[in-house]
Amino acid sequence: PGAHFPLPTPEWRPSQQTGAQVPQPMRRKVADQVLIQFVEADVDIGFGLVDEAKTYLLSSQPEFSSRALQNAQEIIADIEQRLQQLGDSAAGPFLPLVAELRNQIASVAKGE
């Protein structure tokens, strides 16, 4: 017997690049994986900016420290936007990291 291929149904859409049929749930999963990678990168960048702000503060460059903290706060906004797109189950593991990042930003902003 020959191979059986699924007939196109509403949940199947052609891939724009290859024309291959990619099921929507699979495409969603890939999109979620990409969002998770962006969130992970943003978290790393956020903590890096906090470290940079601390360094500037210790070297008596408060204006650069302030700018690094502002950038870190903008990163938090990006993270939160992406976490909303992911939904609660995928976003949950990142919430403690975001809280810690907020705490560190506040700590450096106070000059601690």
C-alpha atoms as a PDB file:
ATOM      1  CA  PRO A   1       0.000   0.000   0.000  1.00  0.00           C
ATOM      2  CA  GLY A   2       1.121   3.512  -0.782  1.00  0.00           C
ATOM      3  CA  ALA A   3       1.787   6.259   1.716  1.00  0.00           C
ATOM      4  CA  HIS A   4      -1.179   8.166   3.056  1.00  0.00           C
ATOM      5  CA  PHE A   5      -0.973  11.918   3.322  1.00  0.00           C
ATOM      6  CA  PRO A   6      -3.444  14.047   5.265  1.00  0.00           C
ATOM      7  CA  LEU A   7      -5.834  16.072   3.189  1.00  0.00           C
ATOM      8  CA  PRO A   8      -5.612  19.829   3.672  1.00  0.00           C
ATOM      9  CA  THR A   9      -8.019  20.951   6.369  1.00  0.00           C
ATOM     10  CA  PRO A  10      -8.568  24.371   7.935  1.00  0.00           C
ATOM     11  CA  GLU A  11      -5.868  23.714  10.564  1.00  0.00           C
ATOM     12  CA  TRP A  12      -3.269  23.006   7.857  1.00  0.00           C
ATOM     13  CA  ARG A  13      -1.627  25.912   6.068  1.00  0.00           C
ATOM     14  CA  PRO A  14       1.117  25.928   3.449  1.00  0.00           C
ATOM     15  CA  SER A  15       4.483  27.165   4.615  1.00  0.00           C
ATOM     16  CA  GLN A  16       5.259  30.387   2.766  1.00  0.00           C
ATOM     17  CA  GLN A  17       8.886  29.469   2.105  1.00  0.00           C
ATOM     18  CA  THR A  18       8.617  25.831   1.046  1.00  0.00           C
ATOM     19  CA  GLY A  19       4.964  25.385   0.194  1.00  0.00           C
ATOM     20  CA  ALA A  20       4.950  22.347   2.521  1.00  0.00           C
ATOM     21  CA  GLN A  21       1.928  21.740   4.708  1.00  0.00           C
ATOM     22  CA  VAL A  22       2.702  22.661   8.321  1.00  0.00           C
ATOM     23  CA  PRO A  23       0.054  22.042  10.974  1.00  0.00           C
ATOM     24  CA  GLN A  24      -0.917  25.208  12.864  1.00  0.00           C
ATOM     25  CA  PRO A  25      -0.290  23.686  16.323  1.00  0.00           C
ATOM     26  CA  MET A  26       3.277  22.859  15.269  1.00  0.00           C
ATOM     27  CA  ARG A  27       3.813  26.365  13.929  1.00  0.00           C
ATOM     28  CA  ARG A  28       2.472  27.765  17.193  1.00  0.00           C
ATOM     29  CA  LYS A  29       4.873  25.588  19.154  1.00  0.00           C
ATOM     30  CA  VAL A  30       7.801  26.878  17.090  1.00  0.00           C
ATOM     31  CA  ALA A  31       6.605  30.451  17.587  1.00  0.00           C
ATOM     32  CA  ASP A  32       6.452  29.855  21.339  1.00  0.00           C
ATOM     33  CA  GLN A  33       9.978  28.426  21.304  1.00  0.00           C
ATOM     34  CA  VAL A  34      11.227  31.536  19.525  1.00  0.00           C
ATOM     35  CA  LEU A  35       9.439  33.781  22.039  1.00  0.00           C
ATOM     36  CA  ILE A  36      11.005  31.812  24.895  1.00  0.00           C
ATOM     37  CA  GLN A  37      14.447  32.281  23.345  1.00  0.00           C
ATOM     38  CA  PHE A  38      13.814  36.030  23.059  1.00  0.00           C
ATOM     39  CA  VAL A  39      12.698  36.160  26.708  1.00  0.00           C
ATOM     40  CA  GLU A  40      15.804  34.247  27.804  1.00  0.00           C
ATOM     41  CA  ALA A  41      18.021  36.643  25.835  1.00  0.00           C
ATOM     42  CA  ASP A  42      16.192  39.671  27.234  1.00  0.00           C
ATOM     43  CA  VAL A  43      16.610  38.393  30.801  1.00  0.00           C
ATOM     44  CA  ASP A  44      20.349  37.971  30.205  1.00  0.00           C
ATOM     45  CA  ILE A  45      20.574  41.456  28.703  1.00  0.00           C
ATOM     46  CA  GLY A  46      18.582  42.944  31.587  1.00  0.00           C
ATOM     47  CA  PHE A  47      20.912  41.493  34.225  1.00  0.00           C
ATOM     48  CA  GLY A  48      23.899  42.570  32.129  1.00  0.00           C
ATOM     49  CA  LEU A  49      22.578  46.124  32.081  1.00  0.00           C
ATOM     50  CA  VAL A  50      22.141  46.052  35.868  1.00  0.00           C
ATOM     51  CA  ASP A  51      25.764  44.925  36.231  1.00  0.00           C
ATOM     52  CA  GLU A  52      26.809  47.709  33.881  1.00  0.00           C
ATOM     53  CA  ALA A  53      24.815  50.232  35.919  1.00  0.00           C
ATOM     54  CA  LYS A  54      26.559  49.067  39.117  1.00  0.00           C
ATOM     55  CA  THR A  55      29.956  49.473  37.480  1.00  0.00           C
ATOM     56  CA  TYR A  56      29.134  52.987  36.295  1.00  0.00           C
ATOM     57  CA  LEU A  57      27.832  53.886  39.740  1.00  0.00           C
ATOM     58  CA  LEU A  58      31.029  52.640  41.416  1.00  0.00           C
ATOM     59  CA  SER A  59      33.157  54.600  38.943  1.00  0.00           C
ATOM     60  CA  SER A  60      31.287  57.848  39.705  1.00  0.00           C
ATOM     61  CA  GLN A  61      29.421  57.990  36.405  1.00  0.00           C
ATOM     62  CA  PRO A  62      25.796  58.257  37.576  1.00  0.00           C
ATOM     63  CA  GLU A  63      24.479  59.474  34.218  1.00  0.00           C
ATOM     64  CA  PHE A  64      25.663  56.280  32.506  1.00  0.00           C
ATOM     65  CA  SER A  65      24.348  54.204  35.388  1.00  0.00           C
ATOM     66  CA  SER A  66      20.953  55.860  35.068  1.00  0.00           C
ATOM     67  CA  ARG A  67      20.856  55.187  31.319  1.00  0.00           C
ATOM     68  CA  ALA A  68      21.742  51.517  31.805  1.00  0.00           C
ATOM     69  CA  LEU A  69      18.941  51.191  34.374  1.00  0.00           C
ATOM     70  CA  GLN A  70      16.505  52.870  32.001  1.00  0.00           C
ATOM     71  CA  ASN A  71      17.493  50.367  29.297  1.00  0.00           C
ATOM     72  CA  ALA A  72      16.986  47.512  31.772  1.00  0.00           C
ATOM     73  CA  GLN A  73      13.489  48.797  32.551  1.00  0.00           C
ATOM     74  CA  GLU A  74      12.715  48.903  28.828  1.00  0.00           C
ATOM     75  CA  ILE A  75      13.901  45.297  28.581  1.00  0.00           C
ATOM     76  CA  ILE A  76      11.430  44.356  31.335  1.00  0.00           C
ATOM     77  CA  ALA A  77       8.625  45.894  29.269  1.00  0.00           C
ATOM     78  CA  ASP A  78       9.720  43.777  26.277  1.00  0.00           C
ATOM     79  CA  ILE A  79       9.865  40.654  28.440  1.00  0.00           C
ATOM     80  CA  GLU A  80       6.386  41.251  29.835  1.00  0.00           C
ATOM     81  CA  GLN A  81       4.944  41.773  26.363  1.00  0.00           C
ATOM     82  CA  ARG A  82       6.440  38.491  25.183  1.00  0.00           C
ATOM     83  CA  LEU A  83       5.296  36.648  28.309  1.00  0.00           C
ATOM     84  CA  GLN A  84       1.722  37.807  27.663  1.00  0.00           C
ATOM     85  CA  GLN A  85       1.945  36.300  24.175  1.00  0.00           C
ATOM     86  CA  LEU A  86       3.151  32.992  25.630  1.00  0.00           C
ATOM     87  CA  GLY A  87       0.421  32.536  28.202  1.00  0.00           C
ATOM     88  CA  ASP A  88       0.570  31.569  31.857  1.00  0.00           C
ATOM     89  CA  SER A  89       2.018  28.061  31.654  1.00  0.00           C
ATOM     90  CA  ALA A  90       5.029  29.024  29.530  1.00  0.00           C
ATOM     91  CA  ALA A  91       5.492  32.400  31.239  1.00  0.00           C
ATOM     92  CA  GLY A  92       5.434  31.052  34.801  1.00  0.00           C
ATOM     93  CA  PRO A  93       9.080  29.993  35.032  1.00  0.00           C
ATOM     94  CA  PHE A  94      10.211  33.495  34.040  1.00  0.00           C
ATOM     95  CA  LEU A  95       8.212  35.413  36.643  1.00  0.00           C
ATOM     96  CA  PRO A  96      10.750  34.961  39.487  1.00  0.00           C
ATOM     97  CA  LEU A  97      13.547  36.114  37.157  1.00  0.00           C
ATOM     98  CA  VAL A  98      11.601  39.219  36.172  1.00  0.00           C
ATOM     99  CA  ALA A  99      10.896  39.946  39.861  1.00  0.00           C
ATOM    100  CA  GLU A 100      14.600  39.558  40.694  1.00  0.00           C
ATOM    101  CA  LEU A 101      15.544  41.826  37.799  1.00  0.00           C
ATOM    102  CA  ARG A 102      13.091  44.472  39.080  1.00  0.00           C
ATOM    103  CA  ASN A 103      14.556  44.159  42.591  1.00  0.00           C
ATOM    104  CA  GLN A 104      18.095  44.591  41.314  1.00  0.00           C
ATOM    105  CA  ILE A 105      17.129  47.624  39.238  1.00  0.00           C
ATOM    106  CA  ALA A 106      15.496  49.191  42.295  1.00  0.00           C
ATOM    107  CA  SER A 107      18.513  48.394  44.440  1.00  0.00           C
ATOM    108  CA  VAL A 108      20.959  50.030  42.029  1.00  0.00           C
ATOM    109  CA  ALA A 109      18.636  52.990  41.542  1.00  0.00           C
ATOM    110  CA  LYS A 110      18.783  53.574  45.317  1.00  0.00           C
ATOM    111  CA  GLY A 111      22.563  53.477  45.111  1.00  0.00           C
ATOM    112  CA  GLU A 112      22.951  50.209  47.020  1.00  0.00           C
END
